[in-house]
Amino acid sequence: MDSPESLNLHEGDVVKIAFPGAPSLDTTQQIRRDGKITLPLTGEVQAAGLTPAALEKKVAELCASQLVSKEVSVSVISSTYPVYVSGAVLHAGKVTTDRPITLLQAIMEAGGFTDSANLKAVLVVRQEGGKAHNYTVNVQLLLSGKSNDPFYLKPSDSVYVPETWY
């Protein structure tokens, strides 16, 4: 399970890039659809897919020859992304969030479970490295207090809550 801190930047995120040694270069930008931002010293920089810390390092390396102070900080000003919830929930569809969201929180945003939901085998489909990866999560353990490990969703994850067949 991923912690929210390990989430990568994605298109639509608004990031602030600060240069403490050269505040005139500070910029706040939204990551474009192509995953890039434009910096005054270097031009286009790929930002989507990187963590904020990795983007800091990349910008510092790209700008190193032009900066006296090699310090760069990247902070996320806003971030919204969709996850998709279907199956045995009251309101299947897209859930848009502006904060890290757990599997259980996304299901609650979709109206919660129906009476026929199989809480022991909730499926999360995630695209990683060009391939679909399936994760089966026993939400019943979370609800009963037998587990306290939240499963954080990533942008564009698809959640399927199956029905129980009697």
N, C-alpha and C. Protein backbone atom coordinates (compact mmCIF):
# COMPACT_ATOMS: atom_id res chain seq x y z
N MET A 1 0.84 -1.18 0.00
CA MET A 1 0.00 0.00 0.00
C MET A 1 0.89 1.24 0.00
N ASP A 2 0.47 2.19 -0.76
CA ASP A 2 1.27 3.39 -0.91
C ASP A 2 0.82 4.45 0.07
N SER A 3 1.79 5.21 0.54
CA SER A 3 1.45 6.35 1.38
C SER A 3 1.17 7.52 0.45
N PRO A 4 0.39 8.50 0.89
CA PRO A 4 0.08 9.62 0.01
C PRO A 4 1.32 10.39 -0.40
N GLU A 5 2.38 10.36 0.41
CA GLU A 5 3.58 11.12 0.10
C GLU A 5 4.29 10.58 -1.14
N SER A 6 4.05 9.30 -1.49
CA SER A 6 4.76 8.71 -2.61
C SER A 6 4.04 8.93 -3.94
N LEU A 7 2.97 9.71 -3.93
CA LEU A 7 2.23 9.93 -5.15
C LEU A 7 3.02 10.79 -6.13
N ASN A 8 2.93 10.41 -7.38
CA ASN A 8 3.62 11.15 -8.44
C ASN A 8 2.77 12.33 -8.89
N LEU A 9 3.45 13.32 -9.43
CA LEU A 9 2.77 14.46 -10.04
C LEU A 9 2.09 13.99 -11.32
N HIS A 10 1.01 14.67 -11.69
CA HIS A 10 0.30 14.32 -12.92
C HIS A 10 -0.27 15.59 -13.55
N GLU A 11 -0.71 15.45 -14.81
CA GLU A 11 -1.25 16.61 -15.52
C GLU A 11 -2.37 17.23 -14.70
N GLY A 12 -2.41 18.55 -14.71
CA GLY A 12 -3.44 19.27 -13.96
C GLY A 12 -2.97 19.73 -12.59
N ASP A 13 -1.93 19.08 -12.03
CA ASP A 13 -1.41 19.53 -10.75
C ASP A 13 -0.83 20.94 -10.90
N VAL A 14 -0.97 21.75 -9.86
CA VAL A 14 -0.35 23.06 -9.85
C VAL A 14 0.82 22.98 -8.87
N VAL A 15 2.01 23.29 -9.38
CA VAL A 15 3.22 23.22 -8.56
C VAL A 15 3.87 24.58 -8.46
N LYS A 16 4.49 24.83 -7.29
CA LYS A 16 5.28 26.05 -7.11
C LYS A 16 6.74 25.62 -7.06
N ILE A 17 7.55 26.21 -7.92
CA ILE A 17 8.97 25.94 -7.93
C ILE A 17 9.67 27.19 -7.45
N ALA A 18 10.36 27.05 -6.32
CA ALA A 18 11.02 28.20 -5.69
C ALA A 18 12.53 28.03 -5.74
N PHE A 19 13.20 29.13 -6.03
CA PHE A 19 14.65 29.19 -6.07
C PHE A 19 15.08 30.16 -4.97
N PRO A 20 15.36 29.68 -3.74
CA PRO A 20 15.68 30.58 -2.63
C PRO A 20 16.83 31.53 -2.93
N GLY A 21 17.79 31.11 -3.75
CA GLY A 21 18.92 31.98 -4.09
C GLY A 21 18.62 32.95 -5.20
N ALA A 22 17.47 32.77 -5.87
CA ALA A 22 17.09 33.64 -7.00
C ALA A 22 15.57 33.73 -7.07
N PRO A 23 14.95 34.43 -6.09
CA PRO A 23 13.49 34.47 -6.01
C PRO A 23 12.80 35.01 -7.27
N SER A 24 13.51 35.75 -8.08
CA SER A 24 12.90 36.28 -9.31
C SER A 24 12.56 35.15 -10.29
N LEU A 25 13.15 33.98 -10.09
CA LEU A 25 12.87 32.82 -10.96
C LEU A 25 11.71 31.98 -10.46
N ASP A 26 11.21 32.26 -9.25
CA ASP A 26 10.10 31.47 -8.69
C ASP A 26 8.93 31.47 -9.67
N THR A 27 8.27 30.32 -9.76
CA THR A 27 7.15 30.20 -10.68
C THR A 27 6.11 29.23 -10.12
N THR A 28 4.85 29.50 -10.42
CA THR A 28 3.77 28.58 -10.08
C THR A 28 3.09 28.23 -11.39
N GLN A 29 3.01 26.94 -11.68
CA GLN A 29 2.47 26.49 -12.96
C GLN A 29 1.62 25.24 -12.82
N GLN A 30 0.70 25.12 -13.75
CA GLN A 30 -0.08 23.89 -13.85
C GLN A 30 0.64 22.96 -14.83
N ILE A 31 0.75 21.69 -14.45
CA ILE A 31 1.38 20.72 -15.34
C ILE A 31 0.43 20.51 -16.52
N ARG A 32 0.98 20.70 -17.73
CA ARG A 32 0.18 20.63 -18.95
C ARG A 32 -0.23 19.19 -19.28
N ARG A 33 -1.11 19.08 -20.27
CA ARG A 33 -1.58 17.76 -20.72
C ARG A 33 -0.44 16.86 -21.18
N ASP A 34 0.63 17.47 -21.70
CA ASP A 34 1.77 16.66 -22.15
C ASP A 34 2.70 16.30 -20.99
N GLY A 35 2.31 16.69 -19.76
CA GLY A 35 3.09 16.33 -18.58
C GLY A 35 4.24 17.26 -18.27
N LYS A 36 4.34 18.38 -18.99
CA LYS A 36 5.50 19.26 -18.84
C LYS A 36 5.13 20.61 -18.24
N ILE A 37 6.17 21.27 -17.73
CA ILE A 37 6.08 22.67 -17.30
C ILE A 37 7.20 23.40 -18.04
N THR A 38 7.14 24.73 -18.06
CA THR A 38 8.19 25.51 -18.72
C THR A 38 8.87 26.40 -17.69
N LEU A 39 10.19 26.28 -17.61
CA LEU A 39 10.97 27.09 -16.68
C LEU A 39 11.78 28.12 -17.44
N PRO A 40 11.97 29.31 -16.86
CA PRO A 40 12.69 30.38 -17.56
C PRO A 40 14.12 29.99 -17.96
N LEU A 41 14.82 29.26 -17.11
CA LEU A 41 16.23 28.95 -17.39
C LEU A 41 16.43 27.76 -18.33
N THR A 42 15.49 26.83 -18.33
CA THR A 42 15.73 25.56 -19.04
C THR A 42 14.72 25.24 -20.12
N GLY A 43 13.62 25.94 -20.15
CA GLY A 43 12.56 25.59 -21.10
C GLY A 43 11.69 24.48 -20.53
N GLU A 44 11.26 23.56 -21.38
CA GLU A 44 10.32 22.52 -20.97
C GLU A 44 11.00 21.45 -20.11
N VAL A 45 10.28 21.04 -19.08
CA VAL A 45 10.76 20.00 -18.17
C VAL A 45 9.62 19.02 -17.94
N GLN A 46 9.90 17.73 -18.08
CA GLN A 46 8.90 16.71 -17.79
C GLN A 46 8.66 16.67 -16.29
N ALA A 47 7.41 16.87 -15.86
CA ALA A 47 7.08 16.86 -14.44
C ALA A 47 6.17 15.70 -14.07
N ALA A 48 5.22 15.39 -14.94
CA ALA A 48 4.28 14.30 -14.65
C ALA A 48 5.04 12.99 -14.54
N GLY A 49 4.66 12.19 -13.56
CA GLY A 49 5.32 10.91 -13.34
C GLY A 49 6.42 10.96 -12.30
N LEU A 50 6.83 12.17 -11.93
CA LEU A 50 7.86 12.34 -10.91
C LEU A 50 7.21 12.67 -9.57
N THR A 51 7.90 12.34 -8.48
CA THR A 51 7.46 12.83 -7.17
C THR A 51 7.93 14.28 -7.07
N PRO A 52 7.37 15.07 -6.17
CA PRO A 52 7.87 16.44 -5.99
C PRO A 52 9.38 16.45 -5.69
N ALA A 53 9.86 15.53 -4.88
CA ALA A 53 11.29 15.48 -4.55
C ALA A 53 12.14 15.18 -5.79
N ALA A 54 11.66 14.29 -6.65
CA ALA A 54 12.40 13.97 -7.88
C ALA A 54 12.42 15.16 -8.83
N LEU A 55 11.32 15.91 -8.88
CA LEU A 55 11.29 17.11 -9.73
C LEU A 55 12.26 18.16 -9.19
N GLU A 56 12.32 18.32 -7.86
CA GLU A 56 13.29 19.25 -7.26
C GLU A 56 14.71 18.91 -7.73
N LYS A 57 15.05 17.64 -7.64
CA LYS A 57 16.40 17.19 -8.01
C LYS A 57 16.66 17.45 -9.49
N LYS A 58 15.66 17.14 -10.33
CA LYS A 58 15.82 17.32 -11.78
C LYS A 58 16.02 18.80 -12.12
N VAL A 59 15.20 19.67 -11.54
CA VAL A 59 15.31 21.11 -11.81
C VAL A 59 16.65 21.64 -11.30
N ALA A 60 17.07 21.18 -10.13
CA ALA A 60 18.35 21.63 -9.58
C ALA A 60 19.50 21.23 -10.51
N GLU A 61 19.44 20.02 -11.06
CA GLU A 61 20.49 19.56 -11.98
C GLU A 61 20.47 20.38 -13.27
N LEU A 62 19.28 20.61 -13.81
CA LEU A 62 19.17 21.35 -15.08
C LEU A 62 19.62 22.80 -14.95
N CYS A 63 19.38 23.39 -13.79
CA CYS A 63 19.68 24.81 -13.59
C CYS A 63 21.02 25.05 -12.89
N ALA A 64 21.70 24.00 -12.49
CA ALA A 64 22.91 24.11 -11.65
C ALA A 64 23.93 25.10 -12.21
N SER A 65 24.18 25.06 -13.50
CA SER A 65 25.23 25.91 -14.07
C SER A 65 24.85 27.39 -14.07
N GLN A 66 23.55 27.69 -13.88
CA GLN A 66 23.10 29.07 -13.95
C GLN A 66 22.72 29.66 -12.60
N LEU A 67 22.86 28.85 -11.55
CA LEU A 67 22.46 29.31 -10.22
C LEU A 67 23.66 29.38 -9.28
N VAL A 68 23.70 30.41 -8.45
CA VAL A 68 24.73 30.50 -7.42
C VAL A 68 24.39 29.51 -6.31
N SER A 69 23.14 29.58 -5.83
CA SER A 69 22.65 28.65 -4.83
C SER A 69 21.93 27.53 -5.57
N LYS A 70 22.35 26.31 -5.36
CA LYS A 70 21.78 25.15 -6.08
C LYS A 70 20.48 24.67 -5.45
N GLU A 71 19.93 25.44 -4.54
CA GLU A 71 18.73 25.02 -3.81
C GLU A 71 17.47 25.28 -4.63
N VAL A 72 16.61 24.27 -4.69
CA VAL A 72 15.32 24.36 -5.39
C VAL A 72 14.28 23.67 -4.52
N SER A 73 13.10 24.24 -4.44
CA SER A 73 12.03 23.54 -3.72
C SER A 73 10.79 23.48 -4.59
N VAL A 74 10.13 22.31 -4.56
CA VAL A 74 8.90 22.09 -5.31
C VAL A 74 7.80 21.77 -4.31
N SER A 75 6.71 22.50 -4.40
CA SER A 75 5.56 22.19 -3.55
C SER A 75 4.31 22.11 -4.42
N VAL A 76 3.42 21.21 -4.03
CA VAL A 76 2.16 21.03 -4.76
C VAL A 76 1.15 22.00 -4.17
N ILE A 77 0.66 22.91 -5.02
CA ILE A 77 -0.33 23.90 -4.59
C ILE A 77 -1.72 23.29 -4.63
N SER A 78 -2.02 22.59 -5.71
CA SER A 78 -3.31 21.89 -5.79
C SER A 78 -3.15 20.69 -6.70
N SER A 79 -3.96 19.70 -6.43
CA SER A 79 -3.92 18.47 -7.20
C SER A 79 -5.31 17.86 -7.21
N THR A 80 -5.86 17.67 -8.38
CA THR A 80 -7.13 16.95 -8.48
C THR A 80 -6.94 15.82 -9.46
N TYR A 81 -7.56 14.71 -9.17
CA TYR A 81 -7.47 13.58 -10.09
C TYR A 81 -8.69 12.69 -9.92
N PRO A 82 -9.02 11.95 -10.99
CA PRO A 82 -10.18 11.08 -10.92
C PRO A 82 -9.80 9.65 -10.52
N VAL A 83 -10.73 8.98 -9.86
CA VAL A 83 -10.73 7.53 -9.71
C VAL A 83 -12.14 7.09 -10.11
N TYR A 84 -12.27 5.85 -10.49
CA TYR A 84 -13.55 5.36 -11.01
C TYR A 84 -14.03 4.22 -10.14
N VAL A 85 -15.30 4.29 -9.71
CA VAL A 85 -15.86 3.29 -8.81
C VAL A 85 -17.09 2.69 -9.47
N SER A 86 -17.12 1.36 -9.56
CA SER A 86 -18.26 0.69 -10.17
C SER A 86 -18.60 -0.58 -9.40
N GLY A 87 -19.68 -1.22 -9.82
CA GLY A 87 -20.10 -2.46 -9.18
C GLY A 87 -21.18 -2.19 -8.15
N ALA A 88 -21.09 -2.89 -7.02
CA ALA A 88 -22.13 -2.87 -5.99
C ALA A 88 -21.98 -1.66 -5.07
N VAL A 89 -22.09 -0.46 -5.68
CA VAL A 89 -22.10 0.81 -4.95
C VAL A 89 -23.36 1.57 -5.36
N LEU A 90 -23.76 2.54 -4.56
CA LEU A 90 -25.01 3.25 -4.85
C LEU A 90 -24.91 4.18 -6.05
N HIS A 91 -23.76 4.85 -6.24
CA HIS A 91 -23.62 5.81 -7.34
C HIS A 91 -22.31 5.56 -8.08
N ALA A 92 -22.30 4.58 -8.96
CA ALA A 92 -21.09 4.26 -9.71
C ALA A 92 -20.70 5.44 -10.59
N GLY A 93 -19.40 5.60 -10.82
CA GLY A 93 -18.94 6.65 -11.71
C GLY A 93 -17.61 7.22 -11.28
N LYS A 94 -17.31 8.41 -11.81
CA LYS A 94 -16.04 9.06 -11.55
C LYS A 94 -16.11 9.83 -10.23
N VAL A 95 -15.08 9.64 -9.41
CA VAL A 95 -14.93 10.40 -8.17
C VAL A 95 -13.69 11.25 -8.35
N THR A 96 -13.85 12.58 -8.25
CA THR A 96 -12.71 13.48 -8.39
C THR A 96 -12.30 13.93 -7.00
N THR A 97 -11.00 13.88 -6.76
CA THR A 97 -10.51 14.25 -5.43
C THR A 97 -9.35 15.23 -5.55
N ASP A 98 -9.20 16.06 -4.52
CA ASP A 98 -8.09 17.02 -4.51
C ASP A 98 -7.11 16.71 -3.38
N ARG A 99 -7.18 15.50 -2.87
CA ARG A 99 -6.30 15.07 -1.78
C ARG A 99 -6.07 13.57 -1.94
N PRO A 100 -5.06 13.03 -1.26
CA PRO A 100 -4.91 11.57 -1.29
C PRO A 100 -6.20 10.92 -0.77
N ILE A 101 -6.63 9.88 -1.44
CA ILE A 101 -7.89 9.24 -1.08
C ILE A 101 -7.68 7.74 -0.95
N THR A 102 -8.30 7.16 0.08
CA THR A 102 -8.20 5.71 0.27
C THR A 102 -9.31 5.01 -0.50
N LEU A 103 -9.15 3.72 -0.66
CA LEU A 103 -10.17 2.91 -1.32
C LEU A 103 -11.52 3.06 -0.63
N LEU A 104 -11.53 2.96 0.68
CA LEU A 104 -12.79 3.07 1.43
C LEU A 104 -13.41 4.45 1.28
N GLN A 105 -12.61 5.50 1.29
CA GLN A 105 -13.14 6.86 1.12
C GLN A 105 -13.77 7.01 -0.27
N ALA A 106 -13.13 6.46 -1.31
CA ALA A 106 -13.68 6.55 -2.67
C ALA A 106 -15.02 5.83 -2.77
N ILE A 107 -15.12 4.69 -2.13
CA ILE A 107 -16.38 3.95 -2.15
C ILE A 107 -17.47 4.74 -1.43
N MET A 108 -17.11 5.40 -0.32
CA MET A 108 -18.09 6.22 0.40
C MET A 108 -18.51 7.42 -0.45
N GLU A 109 -17.57 8.01 -1.21
CA GLU A 109 -17.91 9.12 -2.12
C GLU A 109 -18.87 8.65 -3.22
N ALA A 110 -18.82 7.36 -3.54
CA ALA A 110 -19.72 6.79 -4.55
C ALA A 110 -21.03 6.31 -3.90
N GLY A 111 -21.33 6.78 -2.71
CA GLY A 111 -22.60 6.48 -2.06
C GLY A 111 -22.55 5.28 -1.13
N GLY A 112 -21.44 4.62 -1.06
CA GLY A 112 -21.33 3.45 -0.17
C GLY A 112 -21.72 2.16 -0.88
N PHE A 113 -21.67 1.08 -0.13
CA PHE A 113 -21.94 -0.25 -0.67
C PHE A 113 -23.43 -0.53 -0.77
N THR A 114 -23.81 -1.39 -1.70
CA THR A 114 -25.18 -1.91 -1.72
C THR A 114 -25.22 -3.10 -0.77
N ASP A 115 -26.43 -3.58 -0.49
CA ASP A 115 -26.58 -4.72 0.42
C ASP A 115 -25.93 -5.99 -0.12
N SER A 116 -25.78 -6.06 -1.44
CA SER A 116 -25.23 -7.29 -2.04
C SER A 116 -23.73 -7.23 -2.28
N ALA A 117 -23.05 -6.19 -1.78
CA ALA A 117 -21.62 -6.02 -2.04
C ALA A 117 -20.79 -7.10 -1.35
N ASN A 118 -19.80 -7.61 -2.07
CA ASN A 118 -18.84 -8.55 -1.51
C ASN A 118 -17.64 -7.73 -1.04
N LEU A 119 -17.59 -7.46 0.26
CA LEU A 119 -16.56 -6.59 0.81
C LEU A 119 -15.21 -7.28 0.96
N LYS A 120 -15.18 -8.59 0.75
CA LYS A 120 -13.94 -9.34 0.94
C LYS A 120 -13.08 -9.39 -0.31
N ALA A 121 -13.59 -8.91 -1.43
CA ALA A 121 -12.82 -9.05 -2.69
C ALA A 121 -13.01 -7.84 -3.59
N VAL A 122 -12.76 -6.65 -3.07
CA VAL A 122 -12.86 -5.42 -3.87
C VAL A 122 -11.61 -5.34 -4.77
N LEU A 123 -11.86 -5.11 -6.05
CA LEU A 123 -10.78 -5.11 -7.03
C LEU A 123 -10.37 -3.68 -7.37
N VAL A 124 -9.06 -3.41 -7.36
CA VAL A 124 -8.51 -2.14 -7.81
C VAL A 124 -7.64 -2.44 -9.02
N VAL A 125 -7.94 -1.78 -10.14
CA VAL A 125 -7.15 -1.94 -11.37
C VAL A 125 -6.35 -0.66 -11.55
N ARG A 126 -5.03 -0.83 -11.66
CA ARG A 126 -4.12 0.31 -11.74
C ARG A 126 -3.21 0.13 -12.95
N GLN A 127 -3.08 1.20 -13.74
CA GLN A 127 -2.15 1.18 -14.88
C GLN A 127 -0.77 1.60 -14.38
N GLU A 128 0.20 0.70 -14.51
CA GLU A 128 1.57 1.00 -14.10
C GLU A 128 2.52 0.48 -15.16
N GLY A 129 3.37 1.35 -15.64
CA GLY A 129 4.35 0.93 -16.63
C GLY A 129 3.73 0.36 -17.89
N GLY A 130 2.57 0.89 -18.28
CA GLY A 130 1.92 0.43 -19.50
C GLY A 130 1.15 -0.87 -19.35
N LYS A 131 1.06 -1.40 -18.13
CA LYS A 131 0.33 -2.65 -17.90
C LYS A 131 -0.69 -2.46 -16.80
N ALA A 132 -1.77 -3.24 -16.88
CA ALA A 132 -2.78 -3.21 -15.83
C ALA A 132 -2.37 -4.16 -14.71
N HIS A 133 -2.43 -3.65 -13.49
CA HIS A 133 -2.15 -4.48 -12.31
C HIS A 133 -3.42 -4.53 -11.47
N ASN A 134 -3.76 -5.73 -11.02
CA ASN A 134 -4.97 -5.91 -10.22
C ASN A 134 -4.58 -6.13 -8.77
N TYR A 135 -5.30 -5.45 -7.88
CA TYR A 135 -5.12 -5.62 -6.44
C TYR A 135 -6.48 -5.99 -5.87
N THR A 136 -6.53 -7.06 -5.09
CA THR A 136 -7.77 -7.45 -4.42
C THR A 136 -7.63 -7.05 -2.96
N VAL A 137 -8.59 -6.26 -2.49
CA VAL A 137 -8.53 -5.72 -1.13
C VAL A 137 -9.73 -6.22 -0.33
N ASN A 138 -9.46 -6.73 0.87
CA ASN A 138 -10.52 -7.18 1.77
C ASN A 138 -10.95 -5.98 2.62
N VAL A 139 -11.96 -5.27 2.15
CA VAL A 139 -12.44 -4.07 2.85
C VAL A 139 -13.14 -4.46 4.15
N GLN A 140 -13.64 -5.69 4.23
CA GLN A 140 -14.29 -6.16 5.45
C GLN A 140 -13.33 -6.08 6.64
N LEU A 141 -12.06 -6.38 6.41
CA LEU A 141 -11.07 -6.30 7.49
C LEU A 141 -10.93 -4.86 8.00
N LEU A 142 -10.97 -3.89 7.08
CA LEU A 142 -10.89 -2.48 7.49
C LEU A 142 -12.11 -2.07 8.32
N LEU A 143 -13.28 -2.48 7.84
CA LEU A 143 -14.52 -2.08 8.51
C LEU A 143 -14.69 -2.75 9.87
N SER A 144 -14.14 -3.96 10.02
CA SER A 144 -14.28 -4.68 11.29
C SER A 144 -13.18 -4.30 12.28
N GLY A 145 -12.21 -3.48 11.84
CA GLY A 145 -11.13 -3.07 12.72
C GLY A 145 -9.99 -4.08 12.80
N LYS A 146 -10.05 -5.13 11.99
CA LYS A 146 -8.99 -6.14 12.01
C LYS A 146 -7.78 -5.72 11.19
N SER A 147 -7.92 -4.64 10.43
CA SER A 147 -6.80 -4.09 9.67
C SER A 147 -6.90 -2.57 9.76
N ASN A 148 -5.77 -1.92 9.88
CA ASN A 148 -5.79 -0.46 9.89
C ASN A 148 -4.82 0.08 8.84
N ASP A 149 -4.54 -0.73 7.81
CA ASP A 149 -3.67 -0.31 6.71
C ASP A 149 -4.53 0.22 5.56
N PRO A 150 -4.59 1.55 5.41
CA PRO A 150 -5.40 2.09 4.31
C PRO A 150 -4.76 1.78 2.95
N PHE A 151 -5.59 1.55 1.95
CA PHE A 151 -5.11 1.34 0.59
C PHE A 151 -5.34 2.64 -0.15
N TYR A 152 -4.27 3.40 -0.45
CA TYR A 152 -4.40 4.68 -1.14
C TYR A 152 -4.53 4.45 -2.64
N LEU A 153 -5.47 5.15 -3.23
CA LEU A 153 -5.67 5.08 -4.68
C LEU A 153 -4.75 6.07 -5.37
N LYS A 154 -4.45 5.77 -6.63
CA LYS A 154 -3.64 6.65 -7.46
C LYS A 154 -4.52 7.18 -8.59
N PRO A 155 -4.07 8.26 -9.24
CA PRO A 155 -4.88 8.83 -10.32
C PRO A 155 -5.29 7.79 -11.36
N SER A 156 -6.56 7.84 -11.72
CA SER A 156 -7.18 6.99 -12.74
C SER A 156 -7.32 5.53 -12.33
N ASP A 157 -7.14 5.18 -11.05
CA ASP A 157 -7.43 3.82 -10.61
C ASP A 157 -8.90 3.53 -10.85
N SER A 158 -9.20 2.27 -11.13
CA SER A 158 -10.59 1.81 -11.27
C SER A 158 -10.87 0.84 -10.13
N VAL A 159 -11.98 1.07 -9.44
CA VAL A 159 -12.39 0.24 -8.31
C VAL A 159 -13.65 -0.51 -8.73
N TYR A 160 -13.65 -1.82 -8.52
CA TYR A 160 -14.85 -2.62 -8.80
C TYR A 160 -15.24 -3.36 -7.53
N VAL A 161 -16.47 -3.10 -7.05
CA VAL A 161 -17.01 -3.78 -5.88
C VAL A 161 -17.93 -4.89 -6.40
N PRO A 162 -17.50 -6.16 -6.27
CA PRO A 162 -18.33 -7.25 -6.79
C PRO A 162 -19.54 -7.51 -5.90
N GLU A 163 -20.47 -8.25 -6.42
CA GLU A 163 -21.64 -8.64 -5.64
C GLU A 163 -21.39 -10.02 -5.05
N THR A 164 -22.02 -10.28 -3.91
CA THR A 164 -21.96 -11.60 -3.29
C THR A 164 -23.05 -12.45 -3.91
N TRP A 165 -22.69 -13.65 -4.29
CA TRP A 165 -23.67 -14.58 -4.86
C TRP A 165 -24.01 -15.61 -3.82
N TYR A 166 -25.29 -15.72 -3.50
CA TYR A 166 -25.72 -16.66 -2.48
C TYR A 166 -26.16 -17.96 -3.10
